[in-house]
């Protein structure tokens, strides 16, 4: 694990304090960096997540791993009351500066500061793979969701076309860190992010883990050729 003055690169053992410190180090330019590295697809992925949640005005939705709240703000466009939670205080502080009206709270995905069955829907975007125990996080998300409520996990996944998958993995491990050096406030963090994406389960494997955590009617939809997948499920 390497450190920089702005932050650090976390290890794949995903210690919470390392993850939080790493994201503190990238907070200043996090949204810009994501847009550049995804070639603008991050906006499409946020809109698709909101649509998959099927939110209605007056409902309550929790956005875990919300970071600067850009995803929480997108969810609020549905008319639902959207709350963001994140482990990184640096990310939350950056978000509050640019989105002062978006409710953003400090919270660990393994110990959410909410009562049982609080939310009509919950979502976690590009953060489940950074949790120390993703299976426990999925159970915790179920705890705070009302019966019949919905889960959407938006996460990097495995491209379905073999040739595209090879090119994508090459981009992750070679080009992504180079691009990050030009735009990110902590480029070393993106080496970890690339490694964590490569090590993450594919679509069927993640669906099985969501089902094992107590969610039902699990299904997924590929976005951008499987670079990202939306996994949707329902709370009993």
Protein backbone atom coordinates (compact mmCIF):
# COMPACT_ATOMS: atom_id res chain seq x y z
CA UNK A 1 0.00 0.00 0.00
CA UNK A 2 1.47 3.38 -1.04
CA UNK A 3 0.71 6.79 0.44
CA UNK A 4 0.74 10.29 -1.03
CA UNK A 5 0.43 13.71 0.64
CA UNK A 6 -3.17 13.95 -0.61
CA UNK A 7 -4.29 10.54 0.55
CA UNK A 8 -3.44 6.91 0.08
CA UNK A 9 -4.02 3.80 -1.92
CA UNK A 10 -6.01 1.24 0.03
CA UNK A 11 -5.23 -2.47 0.00
CA UNK A 12 -7.65 -5.06 -1.33
CA UNK A 13 -8.25 -6.23 2.26
CA UNK A 14 -10.38 -3.06 2.39
CA UNK A 15 -9.73 -1.80 5.90
CA UNK A 16 -12.38 0.87 6.58
CA UNK A 17 -9.95 3.56 7.78
CA UNK A 18 -7.80 3.05 4.67
CA UNK A 19 -10.82 3.27 2.36
CA UNK A 20 -12.08 6.42 4.09
CA UNK A 21 -8.66 8.09 3.99
CA UNK A 22 -8.18 7.16 0.33
CA UNK A 23 -11.51 8.73 -0.64
CA UNK A 24 -10.74 11.79 1.49
CA UNK A 25 -7.69 12.20 -0.77
CA UNK A 26 -9.66 12.13 -4.03
CA UNK A 27 -12.68 14.15 -2.86
CA UNK A 28 -11.64 17.50 -4.32
CA UNK A 29 -11.84 16.35 -7.96
CA UNK A 30 -13.74 13.09 -7.59
CA UNK A 31 -16.78 13.94 -9.72
CA UNK A 32 -14.66 15.42 -12.53
CA UNK A 33 -12.30 12.44 -12.50
CA UNK A 34 -15.17 9.96 -12.72
CA UNK A 35 -16.67 11.76 -15.70
CA UNK A 36 -13.34 11.82 -17.52
CA UNK A 37 -12.45 8.20 -16.77
CA UNK A 38 -15.91 6.93 -17.78
CA UNK A 39 -16.06 9.07 -20.94
CA UNK A 40 -19.20 10.69 -19.54
CA UNK A 41 -21.01 7.39 -18.98
CA UNK A 42 -21.31 8.09 -15.24
CA UNK A 43 -24.24 10.43 -15.95
CA UNK A 44 -26.06 7.71 -17.88
CA UNK A 45 -25.39 5.17 -15.11
CA UNK A 46 -26.89 7.50 -12.49
CA UNK A 47 -30.02 8.07 -14.54
CA UNK A 48 -30.39 4.33 -15.13
CA UNK A 49 -30.09 3.66 -11.39
CA UNK A 50 -32.83 6.17 -10.63
CA UNK A 51 -35.12 4.62 -13.26
CA UNK A 52 -34.49 1.08 -11.96
CA UNK A 53 -35.54 2.10 -8.43
CA UNK A 54 -38.98 3.17 -9.71
CA UNK A 55 -39.21 5.91 -7.13
CA UNK A 56 -42.37 7.91 -6.56
CA UNK A 57 -42.86 11.33 -4.97
CA UNK A 58 -43.03 11.09 -1.21
CA UNK A 59 -41.06 7.86 -0.94
CA UNK A 60 -37.81 7.65 1.01
CA UNK A 61 -34.62 6.35 -0.60
CA UNK A 62 -31.19 5.79 0.94
CA UNK A 63 -28.05 6.21 -1.18
CA UNK A 64 -25.17 4.35 0.52
CA UNK A 65 -21.63 5.19 -0.53
CA UNK A 66 -22.99 8.49 -1.78
CA UNK A 67 -19.65 10.29 -1.75
CA UNK A 68 -20.20 13.91 -2.77
CA UNK A 69 -23.92 13.33 -3.21
CA UNK A 70 -24.02 13.55 -7.00
CA UNK A 71 -25.93 10.25 -7.10
CA UNK A 72 -28.22 11.33 -4.24
CA UNK A 73 -29.07 14.52 -6.10
CA UNK A 74 -30.00 12.45 -9.17
CA UNK A 75 -32.33 10.27 -7.08
CA UNK A 76 -34.10 13.37 -5.74
CA UNK A 77 -35.12 14.29 -9.30
CA UNK A 78 -37.77 11.56 -8.96
CA UNK A 79 -39.56 13.55 -6.28
CA UNK A 80 -38.56 11.06 -3.58
CA UNK A 81 -36.82 12.16 -0.39
CA UNK A 82 -33.22 11.03 -0.97
CA UNK A 83 -30.62 10.73 1.80
CA UNK A 84 -26.94 10.01 1.17
CA UNK A 85 -24.56 8.23 3.54
CA UNK A 86 -20.81 7.74 3.23
CA UNK A 87 -17.83 6.67 5.30
CA UNK A 88 -15.52 9.42 3.98
CA UNK A 89 -15.86 12.73 5.80
CA UNK A 90 -13.78 14.38 3.08
CA UNK A 91 -16.21 13.31 0.39
CA UNK A 92 -19.18 14.49 2.45
CA UNK A 93 -17.54 17.87 3.07
CA UNK A 94 -16.84 18.31 -0.64
CA UNK A 95 -20.42 17.39 -1.45
CA UNK A 96 -21.92 19.79 1.08
CA UNK A 97 -20.01 22.66 -0.50
CA UNK A 98 -21.52 22.14 -3.96
CA UNK A 99 -24.85 20.50 -2.97
CA UNK A 100 -25.87 22.17 0.30
CA UNK A 101 -29.52 21.10 -0.07
CA UNK A 102 -28.74 17.37 -0.41
CA UNK A 103 -28.97 15.52 2.95
CA UNK A 104 -25.57 13.83 3.44
CA UNK A 105 -24.74 11.86 6.59
CA UNK A 106 -21.70 10.03 7.87
CA UNK A 107 -22.46 6.32 7.92
CA UNK A 108 -20.84 2.91 7.63
CA UNK A 109 -22.55 0.47 5.24
CA UNK A 110 -22.13 -2.22 7.91
CA UNK A 111 -23.77 -0.17 10.69
CA UNK A 112 -26.24 2.24 9.12
CA UNK A 113 -27.61 4.88 11.53
CA UNK A 114 -31.26 4.18 10.71
CA UNK A 115 -34.06 2.15 12.26
CA UNK A 116 -35.42 -1.03 10.71
CA UNK A 117 -37.68 -0.63 7.68
CA UNK A 118 -37.04 3.12 7.34
CA UNK A 119 -36.76 3.32 3.55
CA UNK A 120 -38.91 2.43 0.56
CA UNK A 121 -35.78 1.84 -1.51
CA UNK A 122 -32.01 1.63 -1.03
CA UNK A 123 -29.15 1.80 -3.47
CA UNK A 124 -25.37 1.60 -3.48
CA UNK A 125 -23.37 2.72 -6.52
CA UNK A 126 -19.72 1.79 -7.11
CA UNK A 127 -19.17 1.31 -3.39
CA UNK A 128 -20.20 -2.24 -2.48
CA UNK A 129 -16.85 -3.62 -3.65
CA UNK A 130 -15.09 -1.21 -1.26
CA UNK A 131 -16.87 -2.56 1.83
CA UNK A 132 -14.96 -4.92 4.11
CA UNK A 133 -17.86 -7.42 4.13
CA UNK A 134 -20.18 -6.90 1.12
CA UNK A 135 -22.51 -9.71 2.22
CA UNK A 136 -23.04 -8.10 5.62
CA UNK A 137 -23.64 -4.76 3.89
CA UNK A 138 -26.35 -6.34 1.73
CA UNK A 139 -28.01 -7.67 4.88
CA UNK A 140 -27.77 -4.27 6.52
CA UNK A 141 -29.39 -2.66 3.48
CA UNK A 142 -32.22 -5.18 3.81
CA UNK A 143 -32.62 -4.29 7.50
CA UNK A 144 -33.33 -0.62 6.80
CA UNK A 145 -35.69 -1.36 3.88
CA UNK A 146 -39.41 -1.89 4.41
CA UNK A 147 -41.03 -5.17 3.28
CA UNK A 148 -41.67 -4.91 -0.45
CA UNK A 149 -38.98 -2.24 -0.79
CA UNK A 150 -36.41 -2.23 -3.54
CA UNK A 151 -32.63 -2.50 -3.84
CA UNK A 152 -30.50 -1.45 -6.80
CA UNK A 153 -26.77 -2.12 -6.81
CA UNK A 154 -24.92 -0.21 -9.53
CA UNK A 155 -21.40 -1.61 -9.77
CA UNK A 156 -18.61 -2.24 -12.23
CA UNK A 157 -18.92 -5.71 -13.70
CA UNK A 158 -17.68 -8.00 -16.47
CA UNK A 159 -18.14 -7.02 -20.15
CA UNK A 160 -20.01 -9.73 -22.02
CA UNK A 161 -18.00 -9.56 -25.28
CA UNK A 162 -14.63 -11.31 -24.97
CA UNK A 163 -12.72 -8.89 -27.20
CA UNK A 164 -14.23 -5.87 -25.48
CA UNK A 165 -13.51 -7.42 -22.06
CA UNK A 166 -9.81 -7.80 -22.99
CA UNK A 167 -9.60 -4.19 -24.15
CA UNK A 168 -11.45 -2.99 -21.06
CA UNK A 169 -9.13 -4.80 -18.66
CA UNK A 170 -6.15 -3.34 -20.49
CA UNK A 171 -7.65 0.13 -20.06
CA UNK A 172 -8.23 -0.49 -16.36
CA UNK A 173 -4.71 -1.60 -15.58
CA UNK A 174 -2.73 0.62 -17.98
CA UNK A 175 -4.64 3.63 -19.25
CA UNK A 176 -6.87 4.42 -16.27
CA UNK A 177 -4.00 5.15 -13.84
CA UNK A 178 -2.32 7.30 -16.51
CA UNK A 179 -5.47 9.35 -17.10
CA UNK A 180 -6.00 9.64 -13.34
CA UNK A 181 -2.54 11.18 -12.99
CA UNK A 182 -3.70 14.04 -15.21
CA UNK A 183 -7.00 14.82 -13.48
CA UNK A 184 -7.17 13.27 -9.99
CA UNK A 185 -6.04 14.80 -6.71
CA UNK A 186 -4.72 11.35 -5.65
CA UNK A 187 -3.80 9.21 -8.69
CA UNK A 188 -2.49 6.29 -6.60
CA UNK A 189 -6.03 5.66 -5.38
CA UNK A 190 -7.08 4.76 -8.91
CA UNK A 191 -4.60 1.89 -9.02
CA UNK A 192 -6.53 0.36 -6.12
CA UNK A 193 -9.84 1.13 -7.83
CA UNK A 194 -8.71 -0.62 -11.02
CA UNK A 195 -7.53 -3.66 -9.04
CA UNK A 196 -10.78 -3.81 -7.06
CA UNK A 197 -12.84 -3.75 -10.27
CA UNK A 198 -10.83 -6.60 -11.76
CA UNK A 199 -11.24 -8.68 -8.58
CA UNK A 200 -15.01 -8.10 -8.26
CA UNK A 201 -17.52 -10.94 -8.98
CA UNK A 202 -19.28 -11.07 -12.34
CA UNK A 203 -23.02 -10.55 -12.79
CA UNK A 204 -24.31 -14.07 -11.88
CA UNK A 205 -21.98 -14.33 -8.88
CA UNK A 206 -23.11 -10.99 -7.48
CA UNK A 207 -26.77 -11.92 -8.06
CA UNK A 208 -26.24 -15.08 -6.01
CA UNK A 209 -24.72 -13.10 -3.15
CA UNK A 210 -27.61 -10.63 -3.15
CA UNK A 211 -30.08 -13.52 -2.97
CA UNK A 212 -28.13 -15.16 -0.15
CA UNK A 213 -28.34 -11.90 1.83
CA UNK A 214 -32.13 -12.19 2.00
CA UNK A 215 -33.24 -10.30 -1.09
CA UNK A 216 -35.73 -11.84 -3.56
CA UNK A 217 -36.49 -11.60 -7.27
CA UNK A 218 -32.89 -10.70 -8.07
CA UNK A 219 -32.21 -9.69 -11.66
CA UNK A 220 -29.61 -7.64 -13.47
CA UNK A 221 -29.25 -5.45 -16.52
CA UNK A 222 -25.95 -4.72 -18.25
CA UNK A 223 -24.97 -1.14 -19.04
CA UNK A 224 -22.24 -0.09 -21.48
CA UNK A 225 -21.68 -3.67 -22.64
CA UNK A 226 -21.34 -5.00 -19.09
CA UNK A 227 -18.75 -2.48 -17.92
CA UNK A 228 -21.42 -1.70 -15.33
CA UNK A 229 -24.41 -3.76 -14.22
CA UNK A 230 -27.56 -2.84 -12.34
CA UNK A 231 -28.68 -5.57 -9.95
CA UNK A 232 -32.26 -5.13 -8.76
CA UNK A 233 -33.98 -7.02 -5.92
CA UNK A 234 -36.96 -6.81 -3.58
CA UNK A 235 -37.17 -7.05 0.21
CA UNK A 236 -39.56 -9.71 1.54
